[in-house]
Amino acid sequence: MIKWINKPYGYCPVQAEGYFLNHYFYFRARWEFVEIEFYKSEEDFWNTDPIKEYLLLTTEEYAAGALSHRKCYFLIVKGLVKFSYYILFK
């Protein structure tokens, strides 16, 4: 289950953040990259490297920041599924 801090919002970049499996995640779609990063806590986002990060999509230059929020929800779920497999099988 996702505990949202911010659902996908904005453009250039589109961003979202929340908690999943007791880990903080930060999603960002900007330039041509769509990425999601996972940390133990929100505080770790500012102080440490991510536990795990995924490049979810590459687009044409500058196109990632204009993705629809609906598409970003789909990509976030894709990242959460990947992370759940990482947690289960690490």
PDB file of N, CA and C in Angstrom:
ATOM      1  N   MET A   1       0.827  -1.176   0.000  1.00  0.00           N
ATOM      2  CA  MET A   1       0.000   0.000   0.000  1.00  0.00           C
ATOM      3  C   MET A   1       0.880   1.252   0.000  1.00  0.00           C
ATOM      4  N   ILE A   2       0.487   2.223  -0.765  1.00  0.00           N
ATOM      5  CA  ILE A   2       1.227   3.477  -0.880  1.00  0.00           C
ATOM      6  C   ILE A   2       0.669   4.488   0.112  1.00  0.00           C
ATOM      7  N   LYS A   3       1.541   5.106   0.876  1.00  0.00           N
ATOM      8  CA  LYS A   3       1.159   6.239   1.716  1.00  0.00           C
ATOM      9  C   LYS A   3       1.727   7.487   1.040  1.00  0.00           C
ATOM     10  N   TRP A   4       0.871   8.245   0.386  1.00  0.00           N
ATOM     11  CA  TRP A   4       1.314   9.387  -0.402  1.00  0.00           C
ATOM     12  C   TRP A   4       1.646  10.588   0.485  1.00  0.00           C
ATOM     13  N   ILE A   5       2.745  11.230   0.176  1.00  0.00           N
ATOM     14  CA  ILE A   5       3.036  12.565   0.701  1.00  0.00           C
ATOM     15  C   ILE A   5       2.563  13.563  -0.352  1.00  0.00           C
ATOM     16  N   ASN A   6       2.950  13.319  -1.593  1.00  0.00           N
ATOM     17  CA  ASN A   6       2.485  14.083  -2.751  1.00  0.00           C
ATOM     18  C   ASN A   6       2.270  13.124  -3.907  1.00  0.00           C
ATOM     19  N   LYS A   7       1.062  13.107  -4.450  1.00  0.00           N
ATOM     20  CA  LYS A   7       0.785  12.340  -5.663  1.00  0.00           C
ATOM     21  C   LYS A   7       1.407  13.090  -6.834  1.00  0.00           C
ATOM     22  N   PRO A   8       1.540  12.462  -7.993  1.00  0.00           N
ATOM     23  CA  PRO A   8       2.175  13.145  -9.123  1.00  0.00           C
ATOM     24  C   PRO A   8       1.574  14.544  -9.344  1.00  0.00           C
ATOM     25  N   TYR A   9       2.465  15.529  -9.397  1.00  0.00           N
ATOM     26  CA  TYR A   9       2.040  16.911  -9.586  1.00  0.00           C
ATOM     27  C   TYR A   9       3.096  17.657 -10.386  1.00  0.00           C
ATOM     28  N   GLY A  10       2.689  18.775 -10.955  1.00  0.00           N
ATOM     29  CA  GLY A  10       3.618  19.663 -11.642  1.00  0.00           C
ATOM     30  C   GLY A  10       4.025  19.159 -13.015  1.00  0.00           C
ATOM     31  N   TYR A  11       4.763  19.990 -13.680  1.00  0.00           N
ATOM     32  CA  TYR A  11       5.360  19.678 -14.979  1.00  0.00           C
ATOM     33  C   TYR A  11       6.751  20.277 -15.009  1.00  0.00           C
ATOM     34  N   CYS A  12       7.635  19.573 -15.661  1.00  0.00           N
ATOM     35  CA  CYS A  12       9.034  20.009 -15.826  1.00  0.00           C
ATOM     36  C   CYS A  12       9.673  20.426 -14.510  1.00  0.00           C
ATOM     37  N   PRO A  13       9.749  19.591 -13.528  1.00  0.00           N
ATOM     38  CA  PRO A  13       9.494  18.150 -13.534  1.00  0.00           C
ATOM     39  C   PRO A  13       8.116  17.775 -12.991  1.00  0.00           C
ATOM     40  N   VAL A  14       7.718  16.545 -13.317  1.00  0.00           N
ATOM     41  CA  VAL A  14       6.615  15.904 -12.614  1.00  0.00           C
ATOM     42  C   VAL A  14       7.270  15.189 -11.428  1.00  0.00           C
ATOM     43  N   GLN A  15       6.725  15.373 -10.231  1.00  0.00           N
ATOM     44  CA  GLN A  15       7.305  14.775  -9.037  1.00  0.00           C
ATOM     45  C   GLN A  15       6.222  14.088  -8.205  1.00  0.00           C
ATOM     46  N   ALA A  16       6.639  13.131  -7.395  1.00  0.00           N
ATOM     47  CA  ALA A  16       5.749  12.479  -6.434  1.00  0.00           C
ATOM     48  C   ALA A  16       6.629  11.902  -5.335  1.00  0.00           C
ATOM     49  N   GLU A  17       6.035  11.714  -4.177  1.00  0.00           N
ATOM     50  CA  GLU A  17       6.775  11.113  -3.068  1.00  0.00           C
ATOM     51  C   GLU A  17       5.807  10.478  -2.094  1.00  0.00           C
ATOM     52  N   GLY A  18       6.330   9.499  -1.377  1.00  0.00           N
ATOM     53  CA  GLY A  18       5.511   8.811  -0.399  1.00  0.00           C
ATOM     54  C   GLY A  18       6.280   7.673   0.240  1.00  0.00           C
ATOM     55  N   TYR A  19       5.525   6.772   0.857  1.00  0.00           N
ATOM     56  CA  TYR A  19       6.114   5.600   1.496  1.00  0.00           C
ATOM     57  C   TYR A  19       5.506   4.336   0.913  1.00  0.00           C
ATOM     58  N   PHE A  20       6.353   3.332   0.743  1.00  0.00           N
ATOM     59  CA  PHE A  20       5.948   2.025   0.250  1.00  0.00           C
ATOM     60  C   PHE A  20       6.815   0.984   0.943  1.00  0.00           C
ATOM     61  N   LEU A  21       6.201  -0.020   1.533  1.00  0.00           N
ATOM     62  CA  LEU A  21       6.914  -1.060   2.299  1.00  0.00           C
ATOM     63  C   LEU A  21       7.857  -0.435   3.335  1.00  0.00           C
ATOM     64  N   ASN A  22       7.358   0.602   3.994  1.00  0.00           N
ATOM     65  CA  ASN A  22       8.108   1.308   5.035  1.00  0.00           C
ATOM     66  C   ASN A  22       9.384   1.971   4.528  1.00  0.00           C
ATOM     67  N   HIS A  23       9.442   2.277   3.251  1.00  0.00           N
ATOM     68  CA  HIS A  23      10.562   2.995   2.654  1.00  0.00           C
ATOM     69  C   HIS A  23      10.028   4.242   1.951  1.00  0.00           C
ATOM     70  N   TYR A  24      10.769   5.323   2.063  1.00  0.00           N
ATOM     71  CA  TYR A  24      10.428   6.564   1.377  1.00  0.00           C
ATOM     72  C   TYR A  24      10.812   6.452  -0.093  1.00  0.00           C
ATOM     73  N   PHE A  25       9.950   6.933  -0.990  1.00  0.00           N
ATOM     74  CA  PHE A  25      10.321   6.979  -2.402  1.00  0.00           C
ATOM     75  C   PHE A  25      10.140   8.388  -2.949  1.00  0.00           C
ATOM     76  N   TYR A  26      10.969   8.707  -3.924  1.00  0.00           N
ATOM     77  CA  TYR A  26      10.912   9.987  -4.621  1.00  0.00           C
ATOM     78  C   TYR A  26      10.912   9.699  -6.117  1.00  0.00           C
ATOM     79  N   PHE A  27       9.901  10.193  -6.807  1.00  0.00           N
ATOM     80  CA  PHE A  27       9.728   9.992  -8.244  1.00  0.00           C
ATOM     81  C   PHE A  27       9.927  11.337  -8.938  1.00  0.00           C
ATOM     82  N   ARG A  28      10.632  11.294 -10.078  1.00  0.00           N
ATOM     83  CA  ARG A  28      10.865  12.522 -10.825  1.00  0.00           C
ATOM     84  C   ARG A  28      10.919  12.220 -12.320  1.00  0.00           C
ATOM     85  N   ALA A  29      10.197  13.027 -13.085  1.00  0.00           N
ATOM     86  CA  ALA A  29      10.224  12.942 -14.550  1.00  0.00           C
ATOM     87  C   ALA A  29      10.661  14.317 -15.064  1.00  0.00           C
ATOM     88  N   ARG A  30      11.867  14.367 -15.599  1.00  0.00           N
ATOM     89  CA  ARG A  30      12.413  15.633 -16.085  1.00  0.00           C
ATOM     90  C   ARG A  30      13.405  15.365 -17.206  1.00  0.00           C
ATOM     91  N   TRP A  31      13.553  16.334 -18.083  1.00  0.00           N
ATOM     92  CA  TRP A  31      14.405  16.226 -19.265  1.00  0.00           C
ATOM     93  C   TRP A  31      13.953  15.021 -20.070  1.00  0.00           C
ATOM     94  N   GLU A  32      14.827  14.004 -20.174  1.00  0.00           N
ATOM     95  CA  GLU A  32      14.401  12.793 -20.891  1.00  0.00           C
ATOM     96  C   GLU A  32      14.378  11.563 -19.983  1.00  0.00           C
ATOM     97  N   PHE A  33      14.453  11.786 -18.668  1.00  0.00           N
ATOM     98  CA  PHE A  33      14.548  10.668 -17.730  1.00  0.00           C
ATOM     99  C   PHE A  33      13.374  10.627 -16.762  1.00  0.00           C
ATOM    100  N   VAL A  34      12.894   9.409 -16.515  1.00  0.00           N
ATOM    101  CA  VAL A  34      11.871   9.176 -15.490  1.00  0.00           C
ATOM    102  C   VAL A  34      12.491   8.190 -14.503  1.00  0.00           C
ATOM    103  N   GLU A  35      12.647   8.631 -13.253  1.00  0.00           N
ATOM    104  CA  GLU A  35      13.368   7.844 -12.257  1.00  0.00           C
ATOM    105  C   GLU A  35      12.588   7.769 -10.955  1.00  0.00           C
ATOM    106  N   ILE A  36      12.866   6.725 -10.195  1.00  0.00           N
ATOM    107  CA  ILE A  36      12.342   6.604  -8.844  1.00  0.00           C
ATOM    108  C   ILE A  36      13.473   6.125  -7.945  1.00  0.00           C
ATOM    109  N   GLU A  37      13.546   6.708  -6.750  1.00  0.00           N
ATOM    110  CA  GLU A  37      14.587   6.372  -5.776  1.00  0.00           C
ATOM    111  C   GLU A  37      13.926   5.959  -4.473  1.00  0.00           C
ATOM    112  N   PHE A  38      14.584   5.051  -3.749  1.00  0.00           N
ATOM    113  CA  PHE A  38      14.064   4.548  -2.477  1.00  0.00           C
ATOM    114  C   PHE A  38      15.088   4.764  -1.370  1.00  0.00           C
ATOM    115  N   TYR A  39      14.572   5.178  -0.208  1.00  0.00           N
ATOM    116  CA  TYR A  39      15.394   5.450   0.973  1.00  0.00           C
ATOM    117  C   TYR A  39      14.710   4.840   2.196  1.00  0.00           C
ATOM    118  N   LYS A  40      15.468   4.638   3.271  1.00  0.00           N
ATOM    119  CA  LYS A  40      14.880   4.137   4.517  1.00  0.00           C
ATOM    120  C   LYS A  40      13.856   5.128   5.064  1.00  0.00           C
ATOM    121  N   SER A  41      14.133   6.424   4.948  1.00  0.00           N
ATOM    122  CA  SER A  41      13.230   7.444   5.471  1.00  0.00           C
ATOM    123  C   SER A  41      13.354   8.708   4.632  1.00  0.00           C
ATOM    124  N   GLU A  42      12.434   9.630   4.837  1.00  0.00           N
ATOM    125  CA  GLU A  42      12.487  10.903   4.119  1.00  0.00           C
ATOM    126  C   GLU A  42      13.748  11.682   4.482  1.00  0.00           C
ATOM    127  N   GLU A  43      14.170  11.598   5.729  1.00  0.00           N
ATOM    128  CA  GLU A  43      15.388  12.288   6.162  1.00  0.00           C
ATOM    129  C   GLU A  43      16.619  11.768   5.408  1.00  0.00           C
ATOM    130  N   ASP A  44      16.643  10.475   5.116  1.00  0.00           N
ATOM    131  CA  ASP A  44      17.769   9.898   4.379  1.00  0.00           C
ATOM    132  C   ASP A  44      17.872  10.455   2.961  1.00  0.00           C
ATOM    133  N   PHE A  45      16.756  10.897   2.408  1.00  0.00           N
ATOM    134  CA  PHE A  45      16.764  11.500   1.072  1.00  0.00           C
ATOM    135  C   PHE A  45      17.752  12.662   1.011  1.00  0.00           C
ATOM    136  N   TRP A  46      17.844  13.415   2.079  1.00  0.00           N
ATOM    137  CA  TRP A  46      18.720  14.597   2.112  1.00  0.00           C
ATOM    138  C   TRP A  46      20.150  14.270   2.501  1.00  0.00           C
ATOM    139  N   ASN A  47      20.369  13.088   3.103  1.00  0.00           N
ATOM    140  CA  ASN A  47      21.681  12.815   3.701  1.00  0.00           C
ATOM    141  C   ASN A  47      22.445  11.627   3.137  1.00  0.00           C
ATOM    142  N   THR A  48      21.793  10.744   2.406  1.00  0.00           N
ATOM    143  CA  THR A  48      22.470   9.527   1.972  1.00  0.00           C
ATOM    144  C   THR A  48      22.134   9.197   0.521  1.00  0.00           C
ATOM    145  N   ASP A  49      22.856   8.247  -0.011  1.00  0.00           N
ATOM    146  CA  ASP A  49      22.543   7.730  -1.336  1.00  0.00           C
ATOM    147  C   ASP A  49      21.322   6.825  -1.226  1.00  0.00           C
ATOM    148  N   PRO A  50      20.579   6.670  -2.320  1.00  0.00           N
ATOM    149  CA  PRO A  50      19.403   5.798  -2.258  1.00  0.00           C
ATOM    150  C   PRO A  50      19.775   4.337  -2.017  1.00  0.00           C
ATOM    151  N   ILE A  51      18.849   3.612  -1.395  1.00  0.00           N
ATOM    152  CA  ILE A  51      18.998   2.165  -1.235  1.00  0.00           C
ATOM    153  C   ILE A  51      18.929   1.515  -2.612  1.00  0.00           C
ATOM    154  N   LYS A  52      17.992   1.995  -3.402  1.00  0.00           N
ATOM    155  CA  LYS A  52      17.779   1.457  -4.747  1.00  0.00           C
ATOM    156  C   LYS A  52      17.209   2.567  -5.609  1.00  0.00           C
ATOM    157  N   GLU A  53      17.597   2.594  -6.871  1.00  0.00           N
ATOM    158  CA  GLU A  53      17.047   3.560  -7.820  1.00  0.00           C
ATOM    159  C   GLU A  53      16.823   2.876  -9.159  1.00  0.00           C
ATOM    160  N   TYR A  54      15.788   3.324  -9.851  1.00  0.00           N
ATOM    161  CA  TYR A  54      15.432   2.729 -11.135  1.00  0.00           C
ATOM    162  C   TYR A  54      15.198   3.821 -12.163  1.00  0.00           C
ATOM    163  N   LEU A  55      15.741   3.621 -13.338  1.00  0.00           N
ATOM    164  CA  LEU A  55      15.409   4.424 -14.501  1.00  0.00           C
ATOM    165  C   LEU A  55      14.206   3.732 -15.132  1.00  0.00           C
ATOM    166  N   LEU A  56      13.044   4.385 -15.083  1.00  0.00           N
ATOM    167  CA  LEU A  56      11.808   3.749 -15.525  1.00  0.00           C
ATOM    168  C   LEU A  56      11.507   3.971 -16.996  1.00  0.00           C
ATOM    169  N   LEU A  57      12.010   5.075 -17.550  1.00  0.00           N
ATOM    170  CA  LEU A  57      11.704   5.416 -18.934  1.00  0.00           C
ATOM    171  C   LEU A  57      12.665   6.491 -19.404  1.00  0.00           C
ATOM    172  N   THR A  58      13.053   6.415 -20.664  1.00  0.00           N
ATOM    173  CA  THR A  58      13.747   7.527 -21.312  1.00  0.00           C
ATOM    174  C   THR A  58      12.868   7.997 -22.460  1.00  0.00           C
ATOM    175  N   THR A  59      12.883   9.296 -22.687  1.00  0.00           N
ATOM    176  CA  THR A  59      12.046   9.893 -23.718  1.00  0.00           C
ATOM    177  C   THR A  59      12.915  10.749 -24.626  1.00  0.00           C
ATOM    178  N   GLU A  60      12.274  11.406 -25.566  1.00  0.00           N
ATOM    179  CA  GLU A  60      12.993  12.400 -26.347  1.00  0.00           C
ATOM    180  C   GLU A  60      13.369  13.543 -25.414  1.00  0.00           C
ATOM    181  N   GLU A  61      14.348  14.328 -25.811  1.00  0.00           N
ATOM    182  CA  GLU A  61      14.823  15.418 -24.973  1.00  0.00           C
ATOM    183  C   GLU A  61      13.666  16.306 -24.508  1.00  0.00           C
ATOM    184  N   TYR A  62      13.617  16.572 -23.213  1.00  0.00           N
ATOM    185  CA  TYR A  62      12.625  17.433 -22.550  1.00  0.00           C
ATOM    186  C   TYR A  62      11.217  16.848 -22.491  1.00  0.00           C
ATOM    187  N   ALA A  63      10.963  15.679 -23.037  1.00  0.00           N
ATOM    188  CA  ALA A  63       9.604  15.134 -23.072  1.00  0.00           C
ATOM    189  C   ALA A  63       9.154  14.542 -21.735  1.00  0.00           C
ATOM    190  N   ALA A  64      10.069  14.080 -20.896  1.00  0.00           N
ATOM    191  CA  ALA A  64       9.672  13.437 -19.637  1.00  0.00           C
ATOM    192  C   ALA A  64       8.912  14.401 -18.731  1.00  0.00           C
ATOM    193  N   GLY A  65       9.309  15.638 -18.698  1.00  0.00           N
ATOM    194  CA  GLY A  65       8.657  16.617 -17.829  1.00  0.00           C
ATOM    195  C   GLY A  65       7.247  16.958 -18.240  1.00  0.00           C
ATOM    196  N   ALA A  66       6.837  16.533 -19.413  1.00  0.00           N
ATOM    197  CA  ALA A  66       5.488  16.814 -19.905  1.00  0.00           C
ATOM    198  C   ALA A  66       4.597  15.572 -19.909  1.00  0.00           C
ATOM    199  N   LEU A  67       5.055  14.483 -19.298  1.00  0.00           N
ATOM    200  CA  LEU A  67       4.219  13.275 -19.238  1.00  0.00           C
ATOM    201  C   LEU A  67       2.949  13.551 -18.440  1.00  0.00           C
ATOM    202  N   SER A  68       1.876  12.903 -18.809  1.00  0.00           N
ATOM    203  CA  SER A  68       0.628  13.067 -18.066  1.00  0.00           C
ATOM    204  C   SER A  68       0.786  12.468 -16.670  1.00  0.00           C
ATOM    205  N   HIS A  69       0.033  12.995 -15.739  1.00  0.00           N
ATOM    206  CA  HIS A  69       0.088  12.456 -14.385  1.00  0.00           C
ATOM    207  C   HIS A  69      -0.412  11.018 -14.353  1.00  0.00           C
ATOM    208  N   ARG A  70      -1.340  10.690 -15.216  1.00  0.00           N
ATOM    209  CA  ARG A  70      -1.839   9.306 -15.318  1.00  0.00           C
ATOM    210  C   ARG A  70      -0.704   8.357 -15.720  1.00  0.00           C
ATOM    211  N   LYS A  71       0.088   8.732 -16.705  1.00  0.00           N
ATOM    212  CA  LYS A  71       1.234   7.930 -17.136  1.00  0.00           C
ATOM    213  C   LYS A  71       2.250   7.818 -15.996  1.00  0.00           C
ATOM    214  N   CYS A  72       2.428   8.895 -15.245  1.00  0.00           N
ATOM    215  CA  CYS A  72       3.371   8.868 -14.124  1.00  0.00           C
ATOM    216  C   CYS A  72       2.908   7.909 -13.037  1.00  0.00           C
ATOM    217  N   TYR A  73       1.599   7.863 -12.753  1.00  0.00           N
ATOM    218  CA  TYR A  73       1.081   6.872 -11.802  1.00  0.00           C
ATOM    219  C   TYR A  73       1.481   5.468 -12.250  1.00  0.00           C
ATOM    220  N   PHE A  74       1.283   5.170 -13.529  1.00  0.00           N
ATOM    221  CA  PHE A  74       1.644   3.858 -14.063  1.00  0.00           C
ATOM    222  C   PHE A  74       3.135   3.577 -13.849  1.00  0.00           C
ATOM    223  N   LEU A  75       3.977   4.552 -14.133  1.00  0.00           N
ATOM    224  CA  LEU A  75       5.419   4.362 -13.982  1.00  0.00           C
ATOM    225  C   LEU A  75       5.824   4.215 -12.519  1.00  0.00           C
ATOM    226  N   ILE A  76       5.149   4.934 -11.630  1.00  0.00           N
ATOM    227  CA  ILE A  76       5.424   4.774 -10.199  1.00  0.00           C
ATOM    228  C   ILE A  76       5.110   3.347  -9.768  1.00  0.00           C
ATOM    229  N   VAL A  77       3.970   2.829 -10.182  1.00  0.00           N
ATOM    230  CA  VAL A  77       3.605   1.444  -9.829  1.00  0.00           C
ATOM    231  C   VAL A  77       4.645   0.479 -10.384  1.00  0.00           C
ATOM    232  N   LYS A  78       5.124   0.727 -11.588  1.00  0.00           N
ATOM    233  CA  LYS A  78       6.191  -0.103 -12.166  1.00  0.00           C
ATOM    234  C   LYS A  78       7.421  -0.091 -11.253  1.00  0.00           C
ATOM    235  N   GLY A  79       7.796   1.066 -10.760  1.00  0.00           N
ATOM    236  CA  GLY A  79       8.939   1.169  -9.851  1.00  0.00           C
ATOM    237  C   GLY A  79       8.687   0.484  -8.522  1.00  0.00           C
ATOM    238  N   LEU A  80       7.474   0.597  -8.005  1.00  0.00           N
ATOM    239  CA  LEU A  80       7.140  -0.047  -6.737  1.00  0.00           C
ATOM    240  C   LEU A  80       7.175  -1.563  -6.855  1.00  0.00           C
ATOM    241  N   VAL A  81       6.712  -2.091  -7.970  1.00  0.00           N
ATOM    242  CA  VAL A  81       6.770  -3.540  -8.196  1.00  0.00           C
ATOM    243  C   VAL A  81       8.227  -3.997  -8.250  1.00  0.00           C
ATOM    244  N   LYS A  82       9.059  -3.278  -8.979  1.00  0.00           N
ATOM    245  CA  LYS A  82      10.488  -3.637  -9.035  1.00  0.00           C
ATOM    246  C   LYS A  82      11.107  -3.620  -7.641  1.00  0.00           C
ATOM    247  N   PHE A  83      10.784  -2.591  -6.860  1.00  0.00           N
ATOM    248  CA  PHE A  83      11.339  -2.477  -5.520  1.00  0.00           C
ATOM    249  C   PHE A  83      10.837  -3.603  -4.619  1.00  0.00           C
ATOM    250  N   SER A  84       9.582  -3.986  -4.754  1.00  0.00           N
ATOM    251  CA  SER A  84       9.065  -5.073  -3.920  1.00  0.00           C
ATOM    252  C   SER A  84       9.807  -6.376  -4.204  1.00  0.00           C
ATOM    253  N   TYR A  85      10.142  -6.626  -5.458  1.00  0.00           N
ATOM    254  CA  TYR A  85      10.951  -7.810  -5.784  1.00  0.00           C
ATOM    255  C   TYR A  85      12.344  -7.694  -5.184  1.00  0.00           C
ATOM    256  N   TYR A  86      12.910  -6.509  -5.223  1.00  0.00           N
ATOM    257  CA  TYR A  86      14.230  -6.292  -4.622  1.00  0.00           C
ATOM    258  C   TYR A  86      14.178  -6.613  -3.121  1.00  0.00           C
ATOM    259  N   ILE A  87      13.168  -6.097  -2.435  1.00  0.00           N
ATOM    260  CA  ILE A  87      13.034  -6.329  -0.982  1.00  0.00           C
ATOM    261  C   ILE A  87      12.818  -7.817  -0.683  1.00  0.00           C
ATOM    262  N   LEU A  88      12.007  -8.483  -1.484  1.00  0.00           N
ATOM    263  CA  LEU A  88      11.709  -9.893  -1.234  1.00  0.00           C
ATOM    264  C   LEU A  88      12.907 -10.802  -1.468  1.00  0.00           C
ATOM    265  N   PHE A  89      13.731 -10.471  -2.466  1.00  0.00           N
ATOM    266  CA  PHE A  89      14.787 -11.394  -2.889  1.00  0.00           C
ATOM    267  C   PHE A  89      16.200 -10.902  -2.654  1.00  0.00           C
ATOM    268  N   LYS A  90      16.389  -9.876  -1.856  1.00  0.00           N
ATOM    269  CA  LYS A  90      17.763  -9.381  -1.617  1.00  0.00           C
ATOM    270  C   LYS A  90      18.528 -10.282  -0.677  1.00  0.00           C
TER     271      LYS A  90
END
